[in-house]
Amino acid sequence: MESILSIIQIILSVLIVIAILLQQTSAGFDGALGGGGSDSGITTTRRGLEKVLFYTTMVLGVLLIITSILALVA
């Protein structure tokens, strides 16, 4: 049981890293070049693939927390 939970945790961790790396942020080069930022007054909403990646990351994070708690109990 513990080895199965460990394997699931490793898989979930890798999937979370991939999901986070695939997400795009608008603060990347804008902040480095001195433009944009949070005070620009422009707000964007997540749409399409960006929204799916956001919710996928959240679900994977919750699943990782649940499997971690199960591993502590087992």
PDB file of N, CA and C in Angstrom:
ATOM      1  N   MET A   1       0.815  -1.193   0.000  1.00  0.00           N
ATOM      2  CA  MET A   1       0.000   0.000   0.000  1.00  0.00           C
ATOM      3  C   MET A   1       0.863   1.264   0.000  1.00  0.00           C
ATOM      4  N   GLU A   2       1.924   1.251   0.800  1.00  0.00           N
ATOM      5  CA  GLU A   2       2.789   2.433   0.863  1.00  0.00           C
ATOM      6  C   GLU A   2       3.526   2.656  -0.449  1.00  0.00           C
ATOM      7  N   SER A   3       3.930   1.567  -1.108  1.00  0.00           N
ATOM      8  CA  SER A   3       4.643   1.737  -2.379  1.00  0.00           C
ATOM      9  C   SER A   3       3.711   2.257  -3.467  1.00  0.00           C
ATOM     10  N   ILE A   4       2.451   1.853  -3.428  1.00  0.00           N
ATOM     11  CA  ILE A   4       1.489   2.351  -4.410  1.00  0.00           C
ATOM     12  C   ILE A   4       1.265   3.844  -4.192  1.00  0.00           C
ATOM     13  N   LEU A   5       1.108   4.265  -2.942  1.00  0.00           N
ATOM     14  CA  LEU A   5       0.928   5.686  -2.660  1.00  0.00           C
ATOM     15  C   LEU A   5       2.161   6.496  -3.050  1.00  0.00           C
ATOM     16  N   SER A   6       3.336   5.924  -2.848  1.00  0.00           N
ATOM     17  CA  SER A   6       4.570   6.624  -3.235  1.00  0.00           C
ATOM     18  C   SER A   6       4.643   6.813  -4.742  1.00  0.00           C
ATOM     19  N   ILE A   7       4.273   5.792  -5.482  1.00  0.00           N
ATOM     20  CA  ILE A   7       4.282   5.884  -6.946  1.00  0.00           C
ATOM     21  C   ILE A   7       3.261   6.915  -7.414  1.00  0.00           C
ATOM     22  N   ILE A   8       2.074   6.896  -6.800  1.00  0.00           N
ATOM     23  CA  ILE A   8       1.040   7.876  -7.165  1.00  0.00           C
ATOM     24  C   ILE A   8       1.516   9.293  -6.853  1.00  0.00           C
ATOM     25  N   GLN A   9       2.181   9.484  -5.716  1.00  0.00           N
ATOM     26  CA  GLN A   9       2.689  10.806  -5.364  1.00  0.00           C
ATOM     27  C   GLN A   9       3.756  11.281  -6.350  1.00  0.00           C
ATOM     28  N   ILE A  10       4.616  10.385  -6.771  1.00  0.00           N
ATOM     29  CA  ILE A  10       5.648  10.765  -7.748  1.00  0.00           C
ATOM     30  C   ILE A  10       5.006  11.171  -9.068  1.00  0.00           C
ATOM     31  N   ILE A  11       4.027  10.390  -9.517  1.00  0.00           N
ATOM     32  CA  ILE A  11       3.350  10.702 -10.781  1.00  0.00           C
ATOM     33  C   ILE A  11       2.616  12.038 -10.680  1.00  0.00           C
ATOM     34  N   LEU A  12       1.904  12.249  -9.570  1.00  0.00           N
ATOM     35  CA  LEU A  12       1.191  13.515  -9.384  1.00  0.00           C
ATOM     36  C   LEU A  12       2.148  14.702  -9.324  1.00  0.00           C
ATOM     37  N   SER A  13       3.288  14.518  -8.667  1.00  0.00           N
ATOM     38  CA  SER A  13       4.277  15.601  -8.581  1.00  0.00           C
ATOM     39  C   SER A  13       4.813  15.980  -9.952  1.00  0.00           C
ATOM     40  N   VAL A  14       5.120  14.987 -10.769  1.00  0.00           N
ATOM     41  CA  VAL A  14       5.625  15.258 -12.119  1.00  0.00           C
ATOM     42  C   VAL A  14       4.549  15.953 -12.948  1.00  0.00           C
ATOM     43  N   LEU A  15       3.301  15.507 -12.820  1.00  0.00           N
ATOM     44  CA  LEU A  15       2.216  16.128 -13.584  1.00  0.00           C
ATOM     45  C   LEU A  15       1.974  17.573 -13.149  1.00  0.00           C
ATOM     46  N   ILE A  16       2.112  17.858 -11.852  1.00  0.00           N
ATOM     47  CA  ILE A  16       1.955  19.235 -11.377  1.00  0.00           C
ATOM     48  C   ILE A  16       3.061  20.123 -11.937  1.00  0.00           C
ATOM     49  N   VAL A  17       4.281  19.635 -11.935  1.00  0.00           N
ATOM     50  CA  VAL A  17       5.396  20.414 -12.476  1.00  0.00           C
ATOM     51  C   VAL A  17       5.163  20.710 -13.953  1.00  0.00           C
ATOM     52  N   ILE A  18       4.723  19.711 -14.700  1.00  0.00           N
ATOM     53  CA  ILE A  18       4.460  19.909 -16.130  1.00  0.00           C
ATOM     54  C   ILE A  18       3.338  20.926 -16.330  1.00  0.00           C
ATOM     55  N   ALA A  19       2.257  20.799 -15.542  1.00  0.00           N
ATOM     56  CA  ALA A  19       1.130  21.726 -15.679  1.00  0.00           C
ATOM     57  C   ALA A  19       1.541  23.152 -15.342  1.00  0.00           C
ATOM     58  N   ILE A  20       2.381  23.322 -14.334  1.00  0.00           N
ATOM     59  CA  ILE A  20       2.830  24.663 -13.961  1.00  0.00           C
ATOM     60  C   ILE A  20       3.735  25.254 -15.040  1.00  0.00           C
ATOM     61  N   LEU A  21       4.612  24.435 -15.583  1.00  0.00           N
ATOM     62  CA  LEU A  21       5.515  24.933 -16.621  1.00  0.00           C
ATOM     63  C   LEU A  21       4.791  25.280 -17.915  1.00  0.00           C
ATOM     64  N   LEU A  22       3.669  24.631 -18.173  1.00  0.00           N
ATOM     65  CA  LEU A  22       2.912  24.925 -19.385  1.00  0.00           C
ATOM     66  C   LEU A  22       2.080  26.194 -19.275  1.00  0.00           C
ATOM     67  N   GLN A  23       1.837  26.642 -18.062  1.00  0.00           N
ATOM     68  CA  GLN A  23       1.034  27.851 -17.888  1.00  0.00           C
ATOM     69  C   GLN A  23       1.831  29.078 -18.300  1.00  0.00           C
ATOM     70  N   GLN A  24       1.130  30.016 -18.902  1.00  0.00           N
ATOM     71  CA  GLN A  24       1.766  31.256 -19.326  1.00  0.00           C
ATOM     72  C   GLN A  24       1.440  32.347 -18.330  1.00  0.00           C
ATOM     73  N   THR A  25       2.418  33.199 -18.070  1.00  0.00           N
ATOM     74  CA  THR A  25       2.166  34.353 -17.207  1.00  0.00           C
ATOM     75  C   THR A  25       2.484  35.622 -17.974  1.00  0.00           C
ATOM     76  N   SER A  26       1.707  36.645 -17.707  1.00  0.00           N
ATOM     77  CA  SER A  26       1.947  37.916 -18.394  1.00  0.00           C
ATOM     78  C   SER A  26       3.037  38.722 -17.705  1.00  0.00           C
ATOM     79  N   ALA A  27       3.480  38.302 -16.535  1.00  0.00           N
ATOM     80  CA  ALA A  27       4.478  39.050 -15.789  1.00  0.00           C
ATOM     81  C   ALA A  27       5.902  38.671 -16.193  1.00  0.00           C
ATOM     82  N   GLY A  28       6.050  37.767 -17.120  1.00  0.00           N
ATOM     83  CA  GLY A  28       7.362  37.278 -17.511  1.00  0.00           C
ATOM     84  C   GLY A  28       8.313  38.358 -17.967  1.00  0.00           C
ATOM     85  N   PHE A  29       8.219  38.771 -19.210  1.00  0.00           N
ATOM     86  CA  PHE A  29       9.139  39.756 -19.754  1.00  0.00           C
ATOM     87  C   PHE A  29       8.696  41.183 -19.467  1.00  0.00           C
ATOM     88  N   ASP A  30       7.412  41.384 -19.201  1.00  0.00           N
ATOM     89  CA  ASP A  30       6.938  42.739 -18.931  1.00  0.00           C
ATOM     90  C   ASP A  30       7.597  43.317 -17.695  1.00  0.00           C
ATOM     91  N   GLY A  31       7.663  42.530 -16.637  1.00  0.00           N
ATOM     92  CA  GLY A  31       8.283  43.011 -15.411  1.00  0.00           C
ATOM     93  C   GLY A  31       9.773  43.225 -15.572  1.00  0.00           C
ATOM     94  N   ALA A  32      10.417  42.381 -16.368  1.00  0.00           N
ATOM     95  CA  ALA A  32      11.858  42.491 -16.562  1.00  0.00           C
ATOM     96  C   ALA A  32      12.214  43.720 -17.391  1.00  0.00           C
ATOM     97  N   LEU A  33      11.331  44.108 -18.288  1.00  0.00           N
ATOM     98  CA  LEU A  33      11.609  45.246 -19.157  1.00  0.00           C
ATOM     99  C   LEU A  33      11.043  46.557 -18.616  1.00  0.00           C
ATOM    100  N   GLY A  34      10.393  46.491 -17.456  1.00  0.00           N
ATOM    101  CA  GLY A  34       9.896  47.713 -16.849  1.00  0.00           C
ATOM    102  C   GLY A  34       8.509  48.108 -17.281  1.00  0.00           C
ATOM    103  N   GLY A  35       7.877  47.338 -18.101  1.00  0.00           N
ATOM    104  CA  GLY A  35       6.527  47.674 -18.540  1.00  0.00           C
ATOM    105  C   GLY A  35       5.509  46.736 -17.941  1.00  0.00           C
ATOM    106  N   GLY A  36       4.239  47.018 -18.196  1.00  0.00           N
ATOM    107  CA  GLY A  36       3.170  46.129 -17.740  1.00  0.00           C
ATOM    108  C   GLY A  36       3.038  46.117 -16.238  1.00  0.00           C
ATOM    109  N   GLY A  37       2.964  44.945 -15.698  1.00  0.00           N
ATOM    110  CA  GLY A  37       2.821  44.825 -14.253  1.00  0.00           C
ATOM    111  C   GLY A  37       1.370  44.825 -13.835  1.00  0.00           C
ATOM    112  N   SER A  38       1.149  44.772 -12.535  1.00  0.00           N
ATOM    113  CA  SER A  38      -0.212  44.699 -12.029  1.00  0.00           C
ATOM    114  C   SER A  38      -0.910  46.057 -12.023  1.00  0.00           C
ATOM    115  N   ASP A  39      -0.171  47.139 -12.140  1.00  0.00           N
ATOM    116  CA  ASP A  39      -0.769  48.459 -12.090  1.00  0.00           C
ATOM    117  C   ASP A  39      -1.124  49.007 -13.468  1.00  0.00           C
ATOM    118  N   SER A  40      -1.080  48.173 -14.488  1.00  0.00           N
ATOM    119  CA  SER A  40      -1.347  48.659 -15.840  1.00  0.00           C
ATOM    120  C   SER A  40      -2.831  48.861 -16.104  1.00  0.00           C
ATOM    121  N   GLY A  41      -3.701  48.313 -15.250  1.00  0.00           N
ATOM    122  CA  GLY A  41      -5.123  48.515 -15.432  1.00  0.00           C
ATOM    123  C   GLY A  41      -5.758  47.517 -16.372  1.00  0.00           C
ATOM    124  N   ILE A  42      -4.992  46.633 -16.952  1.00  0.00           N
ATOM    125  CA  ILE A  42      -5.527  45.645 -17.874  1.00  0.00           C
ATOM    126  C   ILE A  42      -5.708  44.336 -17.121  1.00  0.00           C
ATOM    127  N   THR A  43      -6.931  43.829 -17.145  1.00  0.00           N
ATOM    128  CA  THR A  43      -7.188  42.540 -16.509  1.00  0.00           C
ATOM    129  C   THR A  43      -7.551  41.525 -17.578  1.00  0.00           C
ATOM    130  N   THR A  44      -7.122  40.306 -17.368  1.00  0.00           N
ATOM    131  CA  THR A  44      -7.432  39.250 -18.324  1.00  0.00           C
ATOM    132  C   THR A  44      -8.102  38.106 -17.585  1.00  0.00           C
ATOM    133  N   THR A  45      -8.878  37.355 -18.317  1.00  0.00           N
ATOM    134  CA  THR A  45      -9.509  36.168 -17.755  1.00  0.00           C
ATOM    135  C   THR A  45      -8.934  34.942 -18.437  1.00  0.00           C
ATOM    136  N   ARG A  46      -8.943  33.847 -17.705  1.00  0.00           N
ATOM    137  CA  ARG A  46      -8.435  32.601 -18.271  1.00  0.00           C
ATOM    138  C   ARG A  46      -9.464  32.044 -19.237  1.00  0.00           C
ATOM    139  N   ARG A  47      -8.990  31.623 -20.402  1.00  0.00           N
ATOM    140  CA  ARG A  47      -9.876  31.052 -21.408  1.00  0.00           C
ATOM    141  C   ARG A  47      -9.197  29.872 -22.068  1.00  0.00           C
ATOM    142  N   GLY A  48      -9.992  28.943 -22.508  1.00  0.00           N
ATOM    143  CA  GLY A  48      -9.493  27.815 -23.281  1.00  0.00           C
ATOM    144  C   GLY A  48      -8.519  26.944 -22.526  1.00  0.00           C
ATOM    145  N   LEU A  49      -7.392  26.684 -23.160  1.00  0.00           N
ATOM    146  CA  LEU A  49      -6.383  25.788 -22.609  1.00  0.00           C
ATOM    147  C   LEU A  49      -5.800  26.324 -21.311  1.00  0.00           C
ATOM    148  N   GLU A  50      -5.658  27.636 -21.206  1.00  0.00           N
ATOM    149  CA  GLU A  50      -5.117  28.234 -19.979  1.00  0.00           C
ATOM    150  C   GLU A  50      -6.028  27.933 -18.782  1.00  0.00           C
ATOM    151  N   LYS A  51      -7.330  27.981 -19.004  1.00  0.00           N
ATOM    152  CA  LYS A  51      -8.286  27.686 -17.940  1.00  0.00           C
ATOM    153  C   LYS A  51      -8.227  26.209 -17.553  1.00  0.00           C
ATOM    154  N   VAL A  52      -8.117  25.339 -18.550  1.00  0.00           N
ATOM    155  CA  VAL A  52      -8.027  23.902 -18.292  1.00  0.00           C
ATOM    156  C   VAL A  52      -6.759  23.580 -17.504  1.00  0.00           C
ATOM    157  N   LEU A  53      -5.637  24.181 -17.889  1.00  0.00           N
ATOM    158  CA  LEU A  53      -4.389  23.955 -17.162  1.00  0.00           C
ATOM    159  C   LEU A  53      -4.468  24.454 -15.728  1.00  0.00           C
ATOM    160  N   PHE A  54      -5.128  25.590 -15.529  1.00  0.00           N
ATOM    161  CA  PHE A  54      -5.277  26.148 -14.179  1.00  0.00           C
ATOM    162  C   PHE A  54      -6.063  25.200 -13.283  1.00  0.00           C
ATOM    163  N   TYR A  55      -7.217  24.735 -13.770  1.00  0.00           N
ATOM    164  CA  TYR A  55      -8.027  23.824 -12.969  1.00  0.00           C
ATOM    165  C   TYR A  55      -7.367  22.457 -12.811  1.00  0.00           C
ATOM    166  N   THR A  56      -6.646  22.008 -13.829  1.00  0.00           N
ATOM    167  CA  THR A  56      -5.922  20.745 -13.728  1.00  0.00           C
ATOM    168  C   THR A  56      -4.849  20.821 -12.652  1.00  0.00           C
ATOM    169  N   THR A  57      -4.150  21.946 -12.589  1.00  0.00           N
ATOM    170  CA  THR A  57      -3.127  22.131 -11.566  1.00  0.00           C
ATOM    171  C   THR A  57      -3.745  22.110 -10.176  1.00  0.00           C
ATOM    172  N   MET A  58      -4.889  22.749 -10.021  1.00  0.00           N
ATOM    173  CA  MET A  58      -5.572  22.757  -8.734  1.00  0.00           C
ATOM    174  C   MET A  58      -5.995  21.348  -8.324  1.00  0.00           C
ATOM    175  N   VAL A  59      -6.589  20.614  -9.244  1.00  0.00           N
ATOM    176  CA  VAL A  59      -7.053  19.250  -8.942  1.00  0.00           C
ATOM    177  C   VAL A  59      -5.867  18.351  -8.599  1.00  0.00           C
ATOM    178  N   LEU A  60      -4.791  18.454  -9.364  1.00  0.00           N
ATOM    179  CA  LEU A  60      -3.604  17.640  -9.083  1.00  0.00           C
ATOM    180  C   LEU A  60      -3.020  17.981  -7.718  1.00  0.00           C
ATOM    181  N   GLY A  61      -3.028  19.246  -7.349  1.00  0.00           N
ATOM    182  CA  GLY A  61      -2.527  19.651  -6.043  1.00  0.00           C
ATOM    183  C   GLY A  61      -3.365  19.072  -4.910  1.00  0.00           C
ATOM    184  N   VAL A  62      -4.685  19.110  -5.072  1.00  0.00           N
ATOM    185  CA  VAL A  62      -5.573  18.546  -4.057  1.00  0.00           C
ATOM    186  C   VAL A  62      -5.363  17.034  -3.955  1.00  0.00           C
ATOM    187  N   LEU A  63      -5.233  16.366  -5.097  1.00  0.00           N
ATOM    188  CA  LEU A  63      -4.987  14.918  -5.089  1.00  0.00           C
ATOM    189  C   LEU A  63      -3.659  14.584  -4.410  1.00  0.00           C
ATOM    190  N   LEU A  64      -2.645  15.409  -4.642  1.00  0.00           N
ATOM    191  CA  LEU A  64      -1.346  15.177  -4.001  1.00  0.00           C
ATOM    192  C   LEU A  64      -1.456  15.346  -2.483  1.00  0.00           C
ATOM    193  N   ILE A  65      -2.207  16.334  -2.044  1.00  0.00           N
ATOM    194  CA  ILE A  65      -2.405  16.530  -0.603  1.00  0.00           C
ATOM    195  C   ILE A  65      -3.153  15.345  -0.003  1.00  0.00           C
ATOM    196  N   ILE A  66      -4.182  14.869  -0.686  1.00  0.00           N
ATOM    197  CA  ILE A  66      -4.951  13.727  -0.184  1.00  0.00           C
ATOM    198  C   ILE A  66      -4.080  12.479  -0.092  1.00  0.00           C
ATOM    199  N   THR A  67      -3.277  12.221  -1.125  1.00  0.00           N
ATOM    200  CA  THR A  67      -2.420  11.030  -1.074  1.00  0.00           C
ATOM    201  C   THR A  67      -1.332  11.172  -0.013  1.00  0.00           C
ATOM    202  N   SER A  68      -0.884  12.394   0.240  1.00  0.00           N
ATOM    203  CA  SER A  68       0.104  12.605   1.310  1.00  0.00           C
ATOM    204  C   SER A  68      -0.499  12.323   2.681  1.00  0.00           C
ATOM    205  N   ILE A  69      -1.741  12.767   2.874  1.00  0.00           N
ATOM    206  CA  ILE A  69      -2.415  12.492   4.146  1.00  0.00           C
ATOM    207  C   ILE A  69      -2.655  10.986   4.298  1.00  0.00           C
ATOM    208  N   LEU A  70      -3.051  10.321   3.221  1.00  0.00           N
ATOM    209  CA  LEU A  70      -3.265   8.874   3.265  1.00  0.00           C
ATOM    210  C   LEU A  70      -1.975   8.141   3.566  1.00  0.00           C
ATOM    211  N   ALA A  71      -0.853   8.638   3.044  1.00  0.00           N
ATOM    212  CA  ALA A  71       0.431   8.005   3.300  1.00  0.00           C
ATOM    213  C   ALA A  71       0.838   8.167   4.765  1.00  0.00           C
ATOM    214  N   LEU A  72       0.470   9.275   5.386  1.00  0.00           N
ATOM    215  CA  LEU A  72       0.767   9.482   6.800  1.00  0.00           C
ATOM    216  C   LEU A  72      -0.057   8.548   7.683  1.00  0.00           C
ATOM    217  N   VAL A  73      -1.303   8.338   7.293  1.00  0.00           N
ATOM    218  CA  VAL A  73      -2.209   7.515   8.079  1.00  0.00           C
ATOM    219  C   VAL A  73      -1.852   6.035   7.932  1.00  0.00           C
ATOM    220  N   ALA A  74      -1.471   5.644   6.726  1.00  0.00           N
ATOM    221  CA  ALA A  74      -1.202   4.217   6.458  1.00  0.00           C
ATOM    222  C   ALA A  74       0.085   3.743   7.067  1.00  0.00           C
TER     223      ALA A  74
END
